[in-house]
């Protein structure tokens, strides 16, 4: 309001507009970029109000490079899979820094067929080598979309991943870290056997850390499933579990890494208390 008055000599109303004028957009919908079009008006809560974006911590934090980041304490509502995984990357980067020899770069393997999340990983570790891999199902009918998505970041689709056999075609310890974001449905088709085989492969090709994030969708994935996976990691792979936490619980409109196919449009439950949602979890294992 102050800026509008000083620069343009006009007042800005934060109340309800009279009938007959341009339609407004609910704050929650505007935050998710839903219902926005020409002639629509967004009226944000006044900054002095306790429910404003600033006071309710619904704005991203800012890191030392001046970039918006999502810490675990942020109340910013995730709008995409990248936002959803932001607190996991924030925690990982600060609590478990990967060490490499001088003159060498960190090597990351990310199972991301769009390249959108892999690009975020590379942005967090700018001097690293990030390899995004995928094994797209044949005759999926989404060739043009896949081509468009991969313009975000190069994605290797040949000779890297066999989704049916759950095999990663890399040598033992080839990467400093392997990231498996929501692969149970998206890559393994909901088959827990294939999922565990892929997890073991991630442990094999990593010489440092494996990060796993999964949608909790009962009855396929629940707290018992997470406990079982962690127990198997420790017993069969002799991996040390470094941290285990829950991600945001609620609808994410662009959950493009979800295997449900509802990543855009109507939205997908990454976690939460509605429908069949549970608690999305992330696990870091030291290999």
Protein backbone atom coordinates (compact mmCIF):
# COMPACT_ATOMS: atom_id res chain seq x y z
CA UNK A 1 0.00 0.00 0.00
CA UNK A 2 2.85 2.36 0.87
CA UNK A 3 4.60 1.71 -2.44
CA UNK A 4 1.39 2.28 -4.42
CA UNK A 5 0.78 5.61 -2.69
CA UNK A 6 4.38 6.86 -2.94
CA UNK A 7 4.97 5.84 -6.54
CA UNK A 8 1.54 6.19 -8.13
CA UNK A 9 -0.44 8.34 -5.69
CA UNK A 10 -3.12 5.66 -5.50
CA UNK A 11 -4.48 3.70 -2.57
CA UNK A 12 -4.73 -0.09 -2.56
CA UNK A 13 -7.67 -1.80 -0.90
CA UNK A 14 -7.15 -5.04 0.98
CA UNK A 15 -10.83 -5.61 1.64
CA UNK A 16 -13.55 -7.30 -0.42
CA UNK A 17 -14.21 -5.62 -3.75
CA UNK A 18 -17.77 -4.43 -4.41
CA UNK A 19 -20.02 -6.57 -6.53
CA UNK A 20 -19.82 -6.01 -10.26
CA UNK A 21 -16.07 -5.47 -10.31
CA UNK A 22 -13.39 -7.93 -11.33
CA UNK A 23 -13.65 -11.27 -9.62
CA UNK A 24 -11.12 -12.12 -6.94
CA UNK A 25 -9.19 -15.31 -6.38
CA UNK A 26 -9.02 -17.13 -3.06
CA UNK A 27 -5.55 -16.87 -1.49
CA UNK A 28 -5.07 -20.65 -1.29
CA UNK A 29 -5.90 -21.05 -4.98
CA UNK A 30 -3.69 -18.12 -5.95
CA UNK A 31 -0.78 -19.59 -4.01
CA UNK A 32 -1.16 -22.80 -6.03
CA UNK A 33 -1.43 -20.72 -9.24
CA UNK A 34 -4.94 -22.03 -9.80
CA UNK A 35 -7.77 -19.95 -11.26
CA UNK A 36 -5.45 -17.17 -12.44
CA UNK A 37 -6.34 -15.53 -15.74
CA UNK A 38 -6.80 -12.13 -17.30
CA UNK A 39 -9.22 -10.00 -15.32
CA UNK A 40 -8.71 -11.90 -12.07
CA UNK A 41 -7.47 -10.12 -8.96
CA UNK A 42 -5.38 -11.54 -6.12
CA UNK A 43 -5.72 -9.73 -2.81
CA UNK A 44 -2.97 -10.84 -0.44
CA UNK A 45 -3.37 -10.48 3.29
CA UNK A 46 -1.91 -7.23 4.67
CA UNK A 47 1.70 -7.74 5.84
CA UNK A 48 0.85 -6.55 9.35
CA UNK A 49 -1.80 -9.26 9.72
CA UNK A 50 -0.90 -12.38 11.71
CA UNK A 51 -2.17 -14.53 8.81
CA UNK A 52 0.05 -12.83 6.22
CA UNK A 53 2.61 -14.81 4.22
CA UNK A 54 5.48 -13.21 6.16
CA UNK A 55 4.25 -13.77 9.70
CA UNK A 56 2.91 -17.27 9.04
CA UNK A 57 6.26 -18.31 7.44
CA UNK A 58 4.49 -19.20 4.21
CA UNK A 59 7.24 -17.63 2.12
CA UNK A 60 10.42 -19.58 1.23
CA UNK A 61 13.61 -18.88 3.14
CA UNK A 62 16.58 -17.30 1.38
CA UNK A 63 19.99 -18.98 1.37
CA UNK A 64 23.46 -17.45 1.28
CA UNK A 65 23.27 -17.18 -2.51
CA UNK A 66 20.00 -15.25 -2.38
CA UNK A 67 17.95 -18.18 -3.71
CA UNK A 68 14.56 -19.20 -2.30
CA UNK A 69 14.88 -22.47 -0.38
CA UNK A 70 12.44 -24.55 1.64
CA UNK A 71 13.70 -25.51 5.07
CA UNK A 72 11.88 -28.08 7.25
CA UNK A 73 10.42 -25.25 9.36
CA UNK A 74 8.96 -23.39 6.38
CA UNK A 75 5.16 -23.39 6.05
CA UNK A 76 5.33 -22.72 2.31
CA UNK A 77 2.76 -24.92 0.57
CA UNK A 78 4.51 -27.15 -2.02
CA UNK A 79 3.24 -26.66 -5.55
CA UNK A 80 5.34 -29.34 -7.25
CA UNK A 81 7.48 -32.39 -6.57
CA UNK A 82 10.53 -30.09 -6.45
CA UNK A 83 8.94 -28.04 -3.65
CA UNK A 84 7.90 -31.22 -1.87
CA UNK A 85 11.47 -32.54 -1.81
CA UNK A 86 13.02 -29.15 -0.95
CA UNK A 87 13.21 -29.72 2.84
CA UNK A 88 14.86 -33.12 2.24
CA UNK A 89 17.62 -31.53 0.14
CA UNK A 90 17.99 -28.69 2.67
CA UNK A 91 18.50 -31.14 5.54
CA UNK A 92 20.78 -33.43 3.58
CA UNK A 93 23.06 -30.64 2.37
CA UNK A 94 23.54 -29.17 5.83
CA UNK A 95 23.70 -32.30 8.00
CA UNK A 96 25.50 -34.75 5.74
CA UNK A 97 27.92 -32.95 3.43
CA UNK A 98 29.56 -35.32 0.97
CA UNK A 99 33.35 -35.25 0.94
CA UNK A 100 35.46 -35.71 -2.19
CA UNK A 101 39.13 -35.44 -2.97
CA UNK A 102 40.48 -32.08 -4.08
CA UNK A 103 39.95 -31.50 -7.76
CA UNK A 104 37.13 -34.04 -7.99
CA UNK A 105 33.42 -33.32 -8.32
CA UNK A 106 30.56 -34.99 -6.49
CA UNK A 107 28.66 -37.47 -8.64
CA UNK A 108 24.89 -37.79 -8.20
CA UNK A 109 22.53 -40.30 -9.78
CA UNK A 110 18.88 -39.18 -9.81
CA UNK A 111 16.01 -41.36 -11.07
CA UNK A 112 14.02 -38.57 -12.67
CA UNK A 113 12.60 -38.91 -16.16
CA UNK A 114 11.64 -35.22 -16.42
CA UNK A 115 14.94 -33.67 -15.38
CA UNK A 116 13.11 -31.05 -13.32
CA UNK A 117 14.19 -32.39 -9.94
CA UNK A 118 17.65 -33.33 -11.21
CA UNK A 119 18.13 -29.71 -12.23
CA UNK A 120 17.30 -28.66 -8.65
CA UNK A 121 19.89 -31.10 -7.28
CA UNK A 122 22.48 -29.63 -9.65
CA UNK A 123 21.52 -26.12 -8.57
CA UNK A 124 22.12 -27.07 -4.93
CA UNK A 125 25.53 -28.59 -5.70
CA UNK A 126 26.70 -26.44 -8.60
CA UNK A 127 30.13 -28.02 -8.98
CA UNK A 128 28.76 -31.55 -9.03
CA UNK A 129 28.06 -34.00 -11.83
CA UNK A 130 24.36 -34.94 -11.86
CA UNK A 131 23.12 -37.77 -14.04
CA UNK A 132 19.35 -38.10 -14.47
CA UNK A 133 18.24 -41.50 -15.79
CA UNK A 134 14.99 -43.09 -16.88
CA UNK A 135 13.70 -46.16 -18.69
CA UNK A 136 10.40 -44.94 -20.13
CA UNK A 137 7.77 -47.64 -20.80
CA UNK A 138 7.32 -48.42 -24.47
CA UNK A 139 4.27 -47.11 -26.32
CA UNK A 140 3.37 -44.83 -23.42
CA UNK A 141 1.83 -42.28 -25.79
CA UNK A 142 3.67 -39.45 -24.05
CA UNK A 143 6.63 -38.96 -26.38
CA UNK A 144 6.08 -35.27 -27.01
CA UNK A 145 5.51 -34.54 -23.34
CA UNK A 146 8.61 -36.52 -22.38
CA UNK A 147 10.67 -34.60 -24.95
CA UNK A 148 9.36 -31.31 -23.59
CA UNK A 149 10.04 -32.28 -19.97
CA UNK A 150 13.59 -33.32 -20.69
CA UNK A 151 14.44 -29.83 -21.91
CA UNK A 152 14.71 -28.94 -18.20
CA UNK A 153 17.81 -31.11 -17.79
CA UNK A 154 19.43 -33.86 -19.92
CA UNK A 155 18.00 -37.29 -19.14
CA UNK A 156 19.79 -40.49 -20.11
CA UNK A 157 17.25 -43.05 -21.30
CA UNK A 158 19.49 -45.65 -22.95
CA UNK A 159 21.59 -48.22 -21.14
CA UNK A 160 21.30 -46.76 -17.63
CA UNK A 161 18.18 -48.24 -16.00
CA UNK A 162 16.18 -51.38 -16.61
CA UNK A 163 12.88 -50.74 -14.84
CA UNK A 164 11.50 -54.27 -15.30
CA UNK A 165 14.61 -55.99 -13.93
CA UNK A 166 15.31 -53.20 -11.41
CA UNK A 167 18.92 -52.95 -12.55
CA UNK A 168 21.20 -49.91 -12.67
CA UNK A 169 23.88 -50.39 -15.33
CA UNK A 170 26.76 -48.83 -13.40
CA UNK A 171 29.79 -50.13 -11.53
CA UNK A 172 29.85 -50.57 -7.76
CA UNK A 173 30.41 -47.26 -5.97
CA UNK A 174 30.13 -45.21 -9.16
CA UNK A 175 28.34 -42.30 -7.43
CA UNK A 176 28.70 -40.31 -4.23
CA UNK A 177 24.92 -40.25 -3.79
CA UNK A 178 21.86 -41.84 -5.38
CA UNK A 179 18.41 -40.23 -5.12
CA UNK A 180 15.23 -42.31 -5.49
CA UNK A 181 12.26 -39.90 -5.51
CA UNK A 182 8.88 -41.68 -5.44
CA UNK A 183 9.99 -44.71 -7.47
CA UNK A 184 7.69 -47.40 -6.04
CA UNK A 185 4.74 -46.52 -8.27
CA UNK A 186 6.48 -44.45 -10.94
CA UNK A 187 9.30 -46.88 -11.81
CA UNK A 188 8.41 -50.18 -10.14
CA UNK A 189 4.67 -50.24 -10.88
CA UNK A 190 3.79 -50.75 -7.21
CA UNK A 191 5.73 -54.03 -7.02
CA UNK A 192 7.54 -54.11 -3.67
CA UNK A 193 9.91 -56.85 -4.85
CA UNK A 194 11.09 -54.71 -7.79
CA UNK A 195 11.26 -51.69 -5.51
CA UNK A 196 13.54 -53.43 -2.98
CA UNK A 197 15.72 -54.76 -5.79
CA UNK A 198 16.10 -51.21 -7.11
CA UNK A 199 16.90 -49.95 -3.61
CA UNK A 200 19.62 -52.62 -3.26
CA UNK A 201 20.99 -51.52 -6.65
CA UNK A 202 21.11 -47.91 -5.41
CA UNK A 203 23.08 -49.04 -2.36
CA UNK A 204 25.46 -50.98 -4.62
CA UNK A 205 26.28 -48.11 -7.00
CA UNK A 206 26.59 -45.51 -4.22
CA UNK A 207 29.81 -45.07 -2.27
CA UNK A 208 28.21 -42.53 0.03
CA UNK A 209 24.50 -41.86 0.51
CA UNK A 210 21.15 -43.06 -0.79
CA UNK A 211 18.15 -40.75 -0.45
CA UNK A 212 14.69 -42.27 -0.66
CA UNK A 213 11.39 -40.37 -0.65
CA UNK A 214 8.08 -42.18 -1.04
CA UNK A 215 4.38 -41.39 -1.07
CA UNK A 216 2.54 -43.02 1.80
CA UNK A 217 -0.55 -44.47 0.17
CA UNK A 218 -2.20 -47.06 2.36
CA UNK A 219 -2.29 -50.05 2.09
CA UNK A 220 0.67 -50.23 -0.30
CA UNK A 221 2.88 -47.91 1.75
CA UNK A 222 2.34 -47.19 5.41
CA UNK A 223 4.42 -46.86 8.56
CA UNK A 224 4.86 -50.64 8.73
CA UNK A 225 6.29 -50.64 5.20
CA UNK A 226 8.80 -47.94 6.07
CA UNK A 227 9.88 -49.86 9.17
CA UNK A 228 10.27 -53.04 7.11
CA UNK A 229 12.40 -51.32 4.48
CA UNK A 230 14.64 -49.73 7.09
CA UNK A 231 15.08 -53.04 8.87
CA UNK A 232 16.01 -54.77 5.61
CA UNK A 233 18.48 -52.02 4.73
CA UNK A 234 20.27 -52.50 8.01
CA UNK A 235 20.10 -56.31 8.11
CA UNK A 236 20.81 -57.21 4.48
CA UNK A 237 22.77 -54.24 3.18
CA UNK A 238 24.50 -53.24 6.44
CA UNK A 239 23.54 -49.63 5.74
CA UNK A 240 23.43 -47.01 8.49
CA UNK A 241 20.23 -44.95 8.64
CA UNK A 242 21.19 -41.31 9.11
CA UNK A 243 17.81 -39.63 9.26
CA UNK A 244 14.15 -40.41 8.80
CA UNK A 245 11.53 -37.66 8.58
CA UNK A 246 8.11 -36.79 7.20
CA UNK A 247 7.57 -34.41 4.31
CA UNK A 248 4.60 -32.09 3.70
CA UNK A 249 1.17 -33.68 4.21
CA UNK A 250 -1.41 -32.42 1.74
CA UNK A 251 -2.36 -32.08 -1.91
CA UNK A 252 0.39 -31.08 -4.35
CA UNK A 253 -1.04 -29.79 -7.62
CA UNK A 254 2.01 -30.59 -9.78
CA UNK A 255 3.33 -33.79 -8.20
CA UNK A 256 4.95 -34.80 -11.48
CA UNK A 257 7.07 -37.50 -9.81
CA UNK A 258 4.00 -39.27 -8.49
CA UNK A 259 3.26 -42.60 -10.13
CA UNK A 260 -0.49 -42.04 -9.87
CA UNK A 261 -0.62 -39.91 -13.01
CA UNK A 262 -2.32 -37.13 -11.07
CA UNK A 263 0.72 -34.91 -10.92
CA UNK A 264 -1.02 -32.08 -12.76
CA UNK A 265 -4.54 -30.81 -12.95
CA UNK A 266 -6.59 -32.17 -10.07
CA UNK A 267 -3.58 -32.70 -7.84
CA UNK A 268 -2.13 -35.68 -6.05
CA UNK A 269 -1.81 -36.53 -2.39
CA UNK A 270 1.85 -36.64 -1.51
CA UNK A 271 0.86 -37.26 2.05
CA UNK A 272 -1.81 -36.10 4.41
CA UNK A 273 -4.86 -37.06 6.36
CA UNK A 274 -7.45 -37.04 3.60
CA UNK A 275 -8.42 -39.88 1.31
CA UNK A 276 -5.93 -42.71 1.37
CA UNK A 277 -3.03 -40.48 2.31
CA UNK A 278 -0.56 -41.24 5.04
CA UNK A 279 2.76 -39.57 5.79
CA UNK A 280 5.31 -39.06 3.09
CA UNK A 281 8.69 -40.10 4.40
CA UNK A 282 12.28 -39.53 3.42
CA UNK A 283 15.14 -41.77 4.50
CA UNK A 284 18.86 -41.26 4.10
CA UNK A 285 21.10 -44.28 4.31
CA UNK A 286 24.89 -44.23 4.61
CA UNK A 287 26.37 -46.89 2.36
